[in-house]
Structure formats: structure tokens, C-alpha cells
């Protein structure tokens, strides 16, 4: 657990004062959002697919034990091995045992948020196995010793100059004054550095976007092809996945894949969509000699029977993150752990405890945009409100905030008092606006007006309008 989760407000202030980060976030808003909207517009049945995908995931979660056992049986039937792990410690131990049995000194890795969740890289390094990230974004942040700032684009917070500096520091034996201004040059240098590591790796570790019970297959989606090299070149392939990734059939996987890339990057499909089923067969030209699936629970079973079960439908597309005004202002590192944005503010408290993450459910305007763009129709604003309620009940809110809510509750439960207070406040705000219709500064609300103006009340409030309507 990152210690910064409790310091979200301080992290957010620092992020908003960082011009490099703000420039990167501006590009994010103009990129993923526009591409997603165009991709959705080209698919008339997108809403129908959302409903179908929600239904199939709800069905799978209701019968999760059955489909996980069916998946394991198929993996074993095709020559693979499944390792059941209750928590991150067991998953890391299982991965390390496989690496040691293979005599591995290096392991190439595809992008995996689950590996980030359990801190796999640091664990392997401490135990003599060098992990090498092969996704370009993950490779860059590994060189900088940073966590990802986005679940789809982990290095979205960096500019080309920062990437070039990281390459000059890490890639020895090259001219220090070489030109690294163009993205293509950076990409070519990264490829050259990684090529030998792909060939030398003893073990390849990937995540999984989907697990298919019908065939025992695992599915990854990438745009770089690094995932294919990671799982076919080494002698041993390890798939690290959480139990909620399973779906019943290949047709079900196809339904979700039609939503995933469109929601994530605005593509109809990622450049590579790879299905892996067991180790190499005698007549196969390539592939691993061993195939292991490390199935991780790490708090998911506890979510199944509670009010946060809907979060287990998440397919990690990042659409909610890309459209969140809070993430768009502060970036991913402000959240202090692996999962940022609305999905992270719901998932992180469930996985590591509300005591560690009580600030995160407040990092939302509850505008509803996240739920609107979610391809799995997860009611994220409602789930965030549930966490806020839990934080209030467990006295995890600051005393000043609790006092404010108590005063509001006192007034709201007395309609005559509420009407009087709101009328007085409305009159006072109109006076402060001096006919401009907006307020650049408001007493006791400096945090709000520091970044934007507050619209002044323009007429009678809702209650007064409602009462007038009843009289007509």
C-alpha cells in the first residue's frame, strides 16, 4: 500500500501545480475521449452489447465457483497447472517457486495491474529474479522507479523529454548526446534494448483480460506485440489473474472484447488479441514448455456477497478514468495506489481497507459521467456514496466535515428552517455577485472558487418554485 493514499488532498494540490503533468492531462482529454466517442458512434448495437455483457458477467459472478472449477479442469486437461492463491503473499510465493524451479534469473513481463497490486516486481528483485517490463509505458516507468499513473497508459503523465532522460540514464554504451526528440527514435531504442531480454528470459509473466471456462484459455489484448513475445519465447509462461476475470464461453469473451478496446482506446479491436491455451504441443512451432495460471482472490470473494459486487464486472478499460473531471485535474499518482479514478476509488477501499483510503471516495464530483461511459454499466457514483456513508459511520471523516454534515442534516430535517436558511443564503450570494451572475470568491468556500467561479443564484430556489407550482 502506498502511503500517499491518505494524503490525496496534498497530492492533488501538488499535481495541479505541476505544468508538465497538466499538459499531459490535457492531451488525455483530447485523445481517449474523442476516440471512444467516435468508435461507439460507429457501432449502433453498442448499448445492446453493454446490456448483454452486464447480464453475462452477473451470471458468471453468481456461479463463480462453477466456472472457475471448469476453467481449472480445462487448463489441466491441456497440460497446464492452476495455482489458487488467497492473497498477494501466496501469489508472489507461487510465482517465485515456479521461477526457481525453472532456474530463472530473468523474467519478461507483460502489462499487469494485478502484478502492480501485489508488488510482484520488488518481490522478485529481492529474491534474485530480475523482472523486465516489456510494455513500452511500463518499461519507461520501471526505469524511473515509478508506479503507473493510468491502467491503460501507465506513462501518460510523462513528456518526451522525461522519457529521453530516462533512456540516457539507463541505456549505457550509447552516445550521451544522441538525438531522442522523435517518438519513433525512442521506440526504436527501446526495441533494441528489449530484444535481447526477450530472447534471454527464462520465464514470461503476463496478466489476463479474460479467462475462458469453456476452453481453459487466457486472453490478453495489446497494441505492441510484447505480450506475444513474453508468452511464447520463454520456456515457462505464467499467467497472473484475479478470479473475477473468468467468463463461460468463447462467445462471451467475444462480446466483452467488442466493448473493451472501443471503451479503452477507441479501437474496434486492439492490434493484438491473443488466446493462449496450455503449453506447447508436439506439433507446435513455438510456445512455452510449461503453462501456469496463478489465480488470485485478494479480497474479491469478500466483495461477492456485499454491496460492492457490481465492481467485479469491471473489465479495466479505463473509460471512467478518462472521463473523470477529478482524474483529469490531478492525474493518477495523486490517488496513491495502483487503481486511480472512479474505479480505483471504489475498488481500493475494498481491497486494502477504508482506513487507508477514506479520502478516495470523496475524490469525485458525482457527476455521473463515469457510469454513463462504463461499458459494464457499473453504478460507480452509487458505490462511491456507499463508501462515503461507511467512512462517516466509522468516524473516518474529519471533525469539521462531520460537523458540517450534522448541521446540514439538522436543517434539512426541519423544512421551515431549511427554507429560511437557503433563502437567506441565496439573497446573500446574489448581493455578493453584484449583478455579474457569478462569484470569484465566496466566504468559507475558498477551495471551490480557487479553480472556478461559482454561479450566483438567478431566481427563486427549487422549494419556492415547487410551492408556487402547487398553487397554480
Protein backbone atom coordinates (compact mmCIF):
# COMPACT_ATOMS: atom_id res chain seq x y z
CA UNK A 1 0.00 0.00 0.00
CA UNK A 2 1.35 3.38 -0.99
CA UNK A 3 1.45 5.79 1.98
CA UNK A 4 0.16 8.65 -0.18
CA UNK A 5 -3.45 7.39 -0.30
CA UNK A 6 -4.15 9.20 2.95
CA UNK A 7 -2.67 12.38 1.51
CA UNK A 8 -4.93 12.74 -1.50
CA UNK A 9 -5.64 16.44 -0.90
CA UNK A 10 -1.94 17.33 -0.65
CA UNK A 11 -1.13 15.16 -3.67
CA UNK A 12 -3.90 16.82 -5.67
CA UNK A 13 -2.63 20.31 -4.88
CA UNK A 14 0.88 19.32 -5.97
CA UNK A 15 -0.46 17.75 -9.17
CA UNK A 16 -2.45 20.84 -10.14
CA UNK A 17 0.68 22.96 -9.69
CA UNK A 18 2.76 20.68 -11.98
CA UNK A 19 2.80 22.21 -15.51
CA UNK A 20 4.24 19.08 -17.15
CA UNK A 21 1.52 16.89 -15.68
CA UNK A 22 -1.20 19.37 -16.60
CA UNK A 23 -0.01 19.41 -20.21
CA UNK A 24 -0.11 15.59 -20.30
CA UNK A 25 -3.61 15.52 -18.83
CA UNK A 26 -4.80 18.00 -21.44
CA UNK A 27 -3.66 15.57 -24.15
CA UNK A 28 -5.51 12.75 -22.41
CA UNK A 29 -8.80 14.67 -22.57
CA UNK A 30 -8.39 15.32 -26.28
CA UNK A 31 -7.31 11.76 -27.04
CA UNK A 32 -9.12 8.87 -25.40
CA UNK A 33 -12.45 10.68 -25.03
CA UNK A 34 -12.72 11.70 -28.66
CA UNK A 35 -11.61 8.31 -29.99
CA UNK A 36 -14.03 6.43 -27.75
CA UNK A 37 -16.95 8.59 -28.81
CA UNK A 38 -16.15 8.02 -32.49
CA UNK A 39 -15.78 4.25 -32.02
CA UNK A 40 -19.08 3.98 -30.15
CA UNK A 41 -20.87 6.04 -32.79
CA UNK A 42 -19.74 3.54 -35.45
CA UNK A 43 -21.37 0.63 -33.58
CA UNK A 44 -25.18 1.02 -33.46
CA UNK A 45 -25.58 -2.01 -31.17
CA UNK A 46 -23.17 -0.68 -28.52
CA UNK A 47 -25.89 -0.19 -25.87
CA UNK A 48 -27.31 -3.64 -26.58
CA UNK A 49 -23.83 -5.12 -26.18
CA UNK A 50 -23.49 -3.34 -22.83
CA UNK A 51 -26.69 -4.93 -21.58
CA UNK A 52 -25.59 -8.36 -22.83
CA UNK A 53 -22.16 -8.03 -21.23
CA UNK A 54 -23.64 -6.93 -17.91
CA UNK A 55 -26.01 -9.89 -17.88
CA UNK A 56 -23.29 -12.42 -18.68
CA UNK A 57 -20.94 -11.04 -16.01
CA UNK A 58 -23.73 -11.02 -13.42
CA UNK A 59 -24.49 -14.63 -14.32
CA UNK A 60 -20.82 -15.59 -14.08
CA UNK A 61 -20.39 -13.92 -10.69
CA UNK A 62 -23.49 -15.71 -9.40
CA UNK A 63 -21.92 -19.04 -10.38
CA UNK A 64 -18.26 -18.10 -10.00
CA UNK A 65 -17.20 -21.29 -8.21
CA UNK A 66 -18.61 -23.44 -11.04
CA UNK A 67 -16.88 -21.52 -13.82
CA UNK A 68 -13.54 -21.31 -12.00
CA UNK A 69 -13.54 -25.07 -11.44
CA UNK A 70 -14.47 -25.62 -15.08
CA UNK A 71 -11.62 -23.34 -16.13
CA UNK A 72 -9.14 -25.22 -13.95
CA UNK A 73 -10.27 -28.58 -15.35
CA UNK A 74 -9.67 -27.39 -18.91
CA UNK A 75 -6.26 -25.90 -18.07
CA UNK A 76 -5.18 -29.22 -16.54
CA UNK A 77 -6.65 -31.13 -19.50
CA UNK A 78 -4.46 -29.14 -21.89
CA UNK A 79 -1.31 -29.71 -19.82
CA UNK A 80 -1.25 -26.61 -17.64
CA UNK A 81 -1.31 -26.01 -13.89
CA UNK A 82 -3.55 -23.73 -11.81
CA UNK A 83 -2.34 -22.24 -8.52
CA UNK A 84 -5.08 -20.98 -6.18
CA UNK A 85 -3.94 -18.02 -4.08
CA UNK A 86 -5.90 -16.30 -1.33
CA UNK A 87 -3.79 -13.15 -1.17
CA UNK A 88 -0.82 -11.35 -2.65
CA UNK A 89 1.70 -13.15 -0.45
CA UNK A 90 0.56 -16.55 -1.71
CA UNK A 91 0.55 -15.35 -5.33
CA UNK A 92 4.08 -13.97 -5.07
CA UNK A 93 5.29 -17.16 -3.42
CA UNK A 94 3.72 -19.24 -6.20
CA UNK A 95 5.37 -17.14 -8.94
CA UNK A 96 8.75 -17.30 -7.20
CA UNK A 97 8.51 -21.07 -6.76
CA UNK A 98 7.83 -21.52 -10.48
CA UNK A 99 10.75 -19.24 -11.36
CA UNK A 100 13.12 -21.10 -9.06
CA UNK A 101 12.02 -24.49 -10.35
CA UNK A 102 12.83 -23.23 -13.86
CA UNK A 103 16.21 -21.87 -12.75
CA UNK A 104 15.09 -18.42 -13.87
CA UNK A 105 17.32 -15.41 -13.43
CA UNK A 106 15.23 -13.04 -15.56
CA UNK A 107 11.51 -12.82 -16.31
CA UNK A 108 9.92 -10.72 -19.02
CA UNK A 109 6.55 -9.22 -18.09
CA UNK A 110 3.54 -8.03 -19.99
CA UNK A 111 1.47 -5.20 -18.50
CA UNK A 112 -0.41 -6.44 -15.46
CA UNK A 113 -2.22 -4.27 -12.93
CA UNK A 114 -2.55 -7.34 -10.70
CA UNK A 115 1.25 -7.62 -10.57
CA UNK A 116 1.33 -3.97 -9.52
CA UNK A 117 -1.39 -4.66 -6.94
CA UNK A 118 0.68 -7.30 -5.16
CA UNK A 119 4.08 -5.63 -5.65
CA UNK A 120 5.48 -8.51 -7.69
CA UNK A 121 8.45 -6.70 -9.26
CA UNK A 122 10.05 -5.64 -5.99
CA UNK A 123 9.45 -9.10 -4.53
CA UNK A 124 11.13 -10.88 -7.45
CA UNK A 125 14.10 -8.50 -7.40
CA UNK A 126 14.65 -9.12 -3.69
CA UNK A 127 14.64 -12.84 -4.38
CA UNK A 128 17.15 -12.89 -7.22
CA UNK A 129 14.84 -12.82 -10.27
CA UNK A 130 15.09 -9.69 -12.44
CA UNK A 131 11.70 -8.66 -13.89
CA UNK A 132 11.78 -6.80 -17.21
CA UNK A 133 8.68 -4.85 -18.20
CA UNK A 134 8.08 -5.15 -21.95
CA UNK A 135 5.08 -2.85 -22.45
CA UNK A 136 6.68 0.43 -23.51
CA UNK A 137 4.86 2.53 -20.93
CA UNK A 138 5.59 0.06 -18.13
CA UNK A 139 9.22 -0.18 -19.26
CA UNK A 140 9.58 3.61 -19.03
CA UNK A 141 8.15 3.87 -15.53
CA UNK A 142 10.23 0.87 -14.43
CA UNK A 143 13.35 2.77 -15.46
CA UNK A 144 12.12 5.75 -13.44
CA UNK A 145 11.09 3.56 -10.47
CA UNK A 146 7.56 4.93 -10.58
CA UNK A 147 4.13 3.31 -10.31
CA UNK A 148 1.73 3.58 -13.26
CA UNK A 149 -0.50 6.64 -13.41
CA UNK A 150 -3.19 5.05 -15.60
CA UNK A 151 -4.35 1.45 -16.02
CA UNK A 152 -4.19 1.60 -19.84
CA UNK A 153 -1.45 4.20 -20.45
CA UNK A 154 0.90 3.86 -17.46
CA UNK A 155 3.30 6.62 -18.56
CA UNK A 156 0.64 9.13 -19.66
CA UNK A 157 1.99 11.64 -17.12
CA UNK A 158 5.38 11.98 -18.86
CA UNK A 159 6.57 14.00 -21.83
CA UNK A 160 9.18 13.05 -24.43
CA UNK A 161 11.96 14.91 -22.64
CA UNK A 162 11.44 12.94 -19.45
CA UNK A 163 11.41 9.67 -21.39
CA UNK A 164 14.61 10.67 -23.20
CA UNK A 165 16.30 11.47 -19.87
CA UNK A 166 15.33 8.04 -18.53
CA UNK A 167 16.78 6.34 -21.62
CA UNK A 168 20.05 8.27 -21.41
CA UNK A 169 20.43 7.26 -17.77
CA UNK A 170 19.55 3.58 -18.23
CA UNK A 171 20.88 2.70 -21.68
CA UNK A 172 24.64 2.59 -21.33
CA UNK A 173 27.07 2.29 -24.21
CA UNK A 174 25.23 4.79 -26.39
CA UNK A 175 26.31 8.36 -27.29
CA UNK A 176 25.04 10.60 -24.49
CA UNK A 177 24.33 13.43 -26.93
CA UNK A 178 22.22 11.31 -29.33
CA UNK A 179 19.01 12.84 -30.65
CA UNK A 180 15.98 11.47 -28.80
CA UNK A 181 13.44 14.09 -29.80
CA UNK A 182 11.26 12.00 -32.09
CA UNK A 183 8.88 9.36 -30.69
CA UNK A 184 9.96 6.86 -33.36
CA UNK A 185 13.59 7.17 -32.26
CA UNK A 186 12.61 6.49 -28.66
CA UNK A 187 10.57 3.47 -29.73
CA UNK A 188 13.40 2.03 -31.83
CA UNK A 189 15.88 2.38 -28.98
CA UNK A 190 13.50 0.66 -26.56
CA UNK A 191 13.03 -2.19 -29.03
CA UNK A 192 16.76 -2.65 -29.40
CA UNK A 193 17.24 -2.76 -25.65
CA UNK A 194 14.40 -5.24 -25.12
CA UNK A 195 15.15 -7.63 -27.96
CA UNK A 196 17.99 -9.40 -26.18
CA UNK A 197 15.95 -9.58 -22.99
CA UNK A 198 13.08 -11.29 -24.77
CA UNK A 199 15.49 -13.94 -26.05
CA UNK A 200 17.30 -14.40 -22.73
CA UNK A 201 14.28 -14.62 -20.44
CA UNK A 202 13.68 -17.93 -18.71
CA UNK A 203 10.11 -17.10 -17.67
CA UNK A 204 7.42 -14.89 -19.18
CA UNK A 205 4.71 -13.38 -16.97
CA UNK A 206 1.51 -11.89 -18.35
CA UNK A 207 -1.80 -10.79 -16.97
CA UNK A 208 -5.12 -11.79 -18.49
CA UNK A 209 -8.02 -9.68 -19.67
CA UNK A 210 -10.23 -12.76 -19.73
CA UNK A 211 -10.20 -16.41 -18.64
CA UNK A 212 -12.45 -18.75 -20.63
CA UNK A 213 -14.00 -21.64 -18.73
CA UNK A 214 -15.09 -23.46 -21.91
CA UNK A 215 -11.54 -23.94 -23.22
CA UNK A 216 -9.15 -23.12 -20.37
CA UNK A 217 -7.78 -20.25 -22.48
CA UNK A 218 -6.41 -16.93 -21.28
CA UNK A 219 -6.77 -13.75 -23.33
CA UNK A 220 -4.57 -10.66 -23.46
CA UNK A 221 -5.04 -7.52 -25.55
CA UNK A 222 -2.05 -5.36 -26.50
CA UNK A 223 -1.06 -2.84 -29.14
CA UNK A 224 2.66 -3.62 -29.18
CA UNK A 225 3.00 -7.39 -29.56
CA UNK A 226 5.15 -7.56 -26.44
CA UNK A 227 2.61 -9.84 -24.80
CA UNK A 228 3.01 -12.45 -27.55
CA UNK A 229 6.79 -12.40 -27.25
CA UNK A 230 6.54 -12.63 -23.47
CA UNK A 231 4.37 -15.74 -23.51
CA UNK A 232 5.84 -17.64 -26.48
CA UNK A 233 9.63 -17.20 -26.28
CA UNK A 234 10.47 -18.30 -22.69
CA UNK A 235 10.31 -21.92 -21.58
CA UNK A 236 7.72 -21.09 -18.91
CA UNK A 237 4.63 -18.91 -19.19
CA UNK A 238 2.93 -17.67 -16.01
CA UNK A 239 -0.50 -16.02 -16.22
CA UNK A 240 -1.35 -13.87 -13.20
CA UNK A 241 -5.08 -13.14 -12.99
CA UNK A 242 -7.83 -12.46 -10.47
CA UNK A 243 -10.83 -14.75 -10.11
CA UNK A 244 -13.30 -12.19 -11.50
CA UNK A 245 -11.76 -12.38 -15.00
CA UNK A 246 -13.44 -15.70 -15.89
CA UNK A 247 -16.26 -15.89 -18.48
CA UNK A 248 -18.15 -19.02 -19.53
CA UNK A 249 -17.57 -19.31 -23.28
CA UNK A 250 -15.65 -18.04 -26.28
CA UNK A 251 -18.79 -16.25 -27.47
CA UNK A 252 -18.97 -14.43 -24.12
CA UNK A 253 -15.33 -13.40 -24.49
CA UNK A 254 -16.10 -12.02 -27.96
CA UNK A 255 -18.95 -9.91 -26.54
CA UNK A 256 -16.67 -8.29 -23.98
CA UNK A 257 -13.84 -7.82 -26.47
CA UNK A 258 -16.19 -5.83 -28.73
CA UNK A 259 -16.67 -3.40 -25.82
CA UNK A 260 -13.16 -3.38 -24.36
CA UNK A 261 -10.98 -1.73 -27.00
CA UNK A 262 -13.70 0.70 -28.08
CA UNK A 263 -14.07 1.88 -24.49
CA UNK A 264 -10.35 1.94 -23.74
CA UNK A 265 -8.56 3.36 -26.78
CA UNK A 266 -11.30 3.92 -29.36
CA UNK A 267 -10.23 0.92 -31.46
CA UNK A 268 -12.56 -1.75 -32.78
CA UNK A 269 -10.05 -4.29 -31.51
CA UNK A 270 -6.56 -3.92 -30.12
CA UNK A 271 -3.76 -4.65 -32.59
CA UNK A 272 -3.10 -7.98 -30.87
CA UNK A 273 -5.81 -10.08 -29.22
CA UNK A 274 -4.12 -13.30 -28.16
CA UNK A 275 -5.68 -16.52 -26.86
CA UNK A 276 -3.33 -18.92 -25.06
CA UNK A 277 -4.36 -22.50 -24.28
CA UNK A 278 -1.89 -24.67 -22.40
CA UNK A 279 1.80 -25.31 -23.11
CA UNK A 280 3.31 -26.08 -26.50
CA UNK A 281 2.01 -29.24 -28.15
CA UNK A 282 4.34 -31.62 -30.02
CA UNK A 283 3.47 -30.20 -33.45
CA UNK A 284 3.53 -26.52 -32.39
CA UNK A 285 6.31 -24.38 -33.86
CA UNK A 286 6.70 -22.25 -30.73
CA UNK A 287 5.30 -21.69 -27.28
CA UNK A 288 6.29 -22.45 -23.68
CA UNK A 289 7.08 -25.86 -22.27
CA UNK A 290 5.12 -25.05 -19.10
CA UNK A 291 1.88 -23.13 -18.65
CA UNK A 292 0.89 -21.90 -15.19
CA UNK A 293 -2.15 -19.85 -14.16
CA UNK A 294 -1.86 -18.10 -10.79
CA UNK A 295 -5.45 -17.36 -9.73
CA UNK A 296 -5.67 -14.63 -7.12
CA UNK A 297 -8.56 -13.77 -4.83
CA UNK A 298 -7.09 -10.92 -2.73
CA UNK A 299 -10.43 -9.64 -1.44
CA UNK A 300 -12.66 -10.41 -4.42
CA UNK A 301 -14.61 -13.20 -2.70
CA UNK A 302 -15.49 -10.82 0.13
CA UNK A 303 -16.93 -8.40 -2.44
CA UNK A 304 -19.18 -11.07 -3.97
CA UNK A 305 -21.74 -11.06 -1.20
CA UNK A 306 -21.78 -7.34 -0.44
CA UNK A 307 -22.92 -4.02 -1.85
CA UNK A 308 -19.75 -3.60 -3.94
CA UNK A 309 -20.27 -6.74 -6.02
CA UNK A 310 -21.03 -4.69 -9.15
CA UNK A 311 -17.39 -3.55 -9.15
CA UNK A 312 -16.35 -7.11 -10.06
CA UNK A 313 -17.85 -6.57 -13.53
CA UNK A 314 -15.03 -4.11 -14.32
CA UNK A 315 -13.00 -5.02 -17.43
CA UNK A 316 -10.25 -2.42 -16.78
CA UNK A 317 -10.92 -0.36 -19.90
CA UNK A 318 -10.20 2.94 -18.14
CA UNK A 319 -13.18 4.78 -19.67
CA UNK A 320 -14.31 6.05 -16.27
CA UNK A 321 -10.80 7.37 -15.61
CA UNK A 322 -10.56 9.10 -18.99
CA UNK A 323 -13.85 10.95 -18.45
CA UNK A 324 -13.47 11.80 -14.76
CA UNK A 325 -13.00 15.56 -14.14
CA UNK A 326 -11.10 14.85 -10.93
CA UNK A 327 -8.61 12.48 -12.57
CA UNK A 328 -8.36 14.96 -15.44
CA UNK A 329 -7.23 17.62 -12.96
CA UNK A 330 -4.83 15.64 -10.74
CA UNK A 331 -3.70 12.52 -12.64
CA UNK A 332 -3.22 9.01 -11.31
CA UNK A 333 -0.39 9.29 -8.78
CA UNK A 334 -2.48 11.54 -6.53
CA UNK A 335 -4.65 8.52 -5.67
CA UNK A 336 -1.67 6.88 -4.01
CA UNK A 337 -2.16 3.30 -5.17
CA UNK A 338 -2.47 1.14 -8.26
CA UNK A 339 -6.03 1.94 -9.31
CA UNK A 340 -6.89 5.63 -9.91
CA UNK A 341 -10.04 7.43 -10.90
CA UNK A 342 -13.61 6.37 -10.06
CA UNK A 343 -12.96 2.64 -10.40
CA UNK A 344 -9.97 2.91 -8.09
CA UNK A 345 -11.86 4.99 -5.56
CA UNK A 346 -14.38 2.13 -5.30
CA UNK A 347 -12.00 -0.82 -5.63
CA UNK A 348 -9.10 0.31 -3.43
CA UNK A 349 -11.12 0.58 -0.18
CA UNK A 350 -12.48 -2.92 -0.81
CA UNK A 351 -9.01 -4.39 -1.32
CA UNK A 352 -6.84 -2.60 1.24
CA UNK A 353 -9.32 -1.17 3.72
CA UNK A 354 -11.24 2.06 4.11
CA UNK A 355 -8.94 3.23 6.90
CA UNK A 356 -6.13 3.51 4.36
CA UNK A 357 -8.23 5.00 1.56
CA UNK A 358 -11.05 7.04 3.13
CA UNK A 359 -10.09 10.13 1.12
CA UNK A 360 -10.57 8.42 -2.24
CA UNK A 361 -14.39 8.12 -2.37
CA UNK A 362 -14.50 11.88 -1.81
CA UNK A 363 -12.38 12.41 -4.94
CA UNK A 364 -15.45 12.65 -7.15
CA UNK A 365 -17.98 15.28 -8.18
CA UNK A 366 -20.61 12.51 -8.55
CA UNK A 367 -21.40 13.98 -11.97
CA UNK A 368 -22.28 10.50 -13.25
CA UNK A 369 -20.12 10.61 -16.35
CA UNK A 370 -18.18 7.54 -15.20
CA UNK A 371 -21.32 5.40 -15.02
CA UNK A 372 -22.51 6.76 -18.37
CA UNK A 373 -19.37 5.66 -20.24
CA UNK A 374 -18.78 2.38 -18.35
CA UNK A 375 -19.27 -0.50 -20.83
CA UNK A 376 -20.31 -2.78 -17.95
CA UNK A 377 -22.87 -0.33 -16.51
CA UNK A 378 -21.23 -0.24 -13.06
CA UNK A 379 -23.08 2.28 -10.84
CA UNK A 380 -19.89 4.00 -9.74
CA UNK A 381 -21.46 7.14 -8.19
CA UNK A 382 -23.76 4.99 -6.02
CA UNK A 383 -20.82 2.84 -4.90
CA UNK A 384 -18.79 5.94 -4.05
CA UNK A 385 -21.68 7.21 -1.95
CA UNK A 386 -21.78 3.88 -0.10
CA UNK A 387 -18.10 4.26 0.80
CA UNK A 388 -18.73 7.83 1.97
CA UNK A 389 -21.51 6.56 4.21
CA UNK A 390 -19.22 3.88 5.67
CA UNK A 391 -16.49 6.45 6.28
CA UNK A 392 -18.96 8.71 8.10
CA UNK A 393 -20.34 5.86 10.21
CA UNK A 394 -16.85 4.72 11.19
CA UNK A 395 -15.77 8.27 12.12
CA UNK A 396 -13.13 8.37 9.41
CA UNK A 397 -14.25 11.81 8.24
CA UNK A 398 -12.54 14.93 9.67
CA UNK A 399 -14.36 16.55 12.59
CA UNK A 400 -15.05 19.72 10.59
CA UNK A 401 -16.70 17.74 7.81
CA UNK A 402 -18.76 15.71 10.26
CA UNK A 403 -19.92 18.92 11.94
CA UNK A 404 -20.93 20.43 8.61
CA UNK A 405 -22.93 17.35 7.66
CA UNK A 406 -24.58 17.30 11.08
CA UNK A 407 -25.64 20.94 10.71
CA UNK A 408 -26.97 20.30 7.23
CA UNK A 409 -28.90 17.25 8.50
CA UNK A 410 -30.36 19.31 11.35
CA UNK A 411 -31.63 21.95 8.92
CA UNK A 412 -32.76 19.51 6.21
CA UNK A 413 -34.94 17.62 8.68
CA UNK A 414 -36.77 20.88 9.54
CA UNK A 415 -38.28 22.20 6.29
CA UNK A 416 -39.20 25.62 7.69
CA UNK A 417 -35.60 26.16 8.85
CA UNK A 418 -34.11 24.80 5.62
CA UNK A 419 -36.24 27.17 3.51
CA UNK A 420 -35.29 30.14 5.68
CA UNK A 421 -31.56 29.36 5.54
CA UNK A 422 -31.48 28.72 1.79
CA UNK A 423 -33.45 31.90 1.06
CA UNK A 424 -31.04 33.92 3.17
CA UNK A 425 -28.03 32.28 1.52
CA UNK A 426 -29.48 32.86 -1.96
CA UNK A 427 -30.13 36.53 -1.19
CA UNK A 428 -26.61 36.95 0.21
CA UNK A 429 -24.93 35.31 -2.80
CA UNK A 430 -26.88 37.48 -5.25
CA UNK A 431 -25.76 40.57 -3.32
CA UNK A 432 -22.13 39.42 -3.41
CA UNK A 433 -22.35 38.81 -7.17
CA UNK A 434 -23.28 42.48 -7.74
CA UNK A 435 -25.29 41.67 -10.85
CA UNK A 436 -22.48 39.74 -12.60
CA UNK A 437 -24.14 36.35 -12.21
CA UNK A 438 -21.00 34.74 -10.76
CA UNK A 439 -18.73 34.87 -7.75
CA UNK A 440 -14.96 34.67 -7.89
CA UNK A 441 -14.74 34.43 -4.11
CA UNK A 442 -17.18 33.03 -1.56
CA UNK A 443 -16.77 33.13 2.23
CA UNK A 444 -15.88 29.69 3.63
CA UNK A 445 -15.62 28.23 0.09
CA UNK A 446 -12.16 29.31 -0.99
CA UNK A 447 -11.28 25.79 -2.11
CA UNK A 448 -14.16 25.79 -4.58
CA UNK A 449 -13.52 29.22 -6.07
CA UNK A 450 -9.74 28.80 -6.26
CA UNK A 451 -10.16 26.98 -9.58
CA UNK A 452 -13.53 28.19 -10.88
CA UNK A 453 -16.27 30.77 -10.38
CA UNK A 454 -19.47 29.91 -8.54
CA UNK A 455 -22.69 30.76 -10.42
CA UNK A 456 -24.86 33.09 -8.40
CA UNK A 457 -28.49 32.11 -7.71
CA UNK A 458 -30.59 33.55 -10.51
CA UNK A 459 -34.05 33.37 -9.00
CA UNK A 460 -36.30 31.51 -6.56
CA UNK A 461 -34.93 28.23 -5.23
CA UNK A 462 -36.33 24.80 -6.02
CA UNK A 463 -38.59 24.66 -2.96
CA UNK A 464 -40.10 28.07 -3.70
CA UNK A 465 -40.69 27.14 -7.34
CA UNK A 466 -42.29 23.87 -6.28
CA UNK A 467 -44.62 25.60 -3.84
CA UNK A 468 -45.59 28.15 -6.50
CA UNK A 469 -46.32 25.32 -8.91
CA UNK A 470 -48.64 23.64 -6.42
CA UNK A 471 -50.70 26.81 -6.09
CA UNK A 472 -51.38 27.00 -9.83
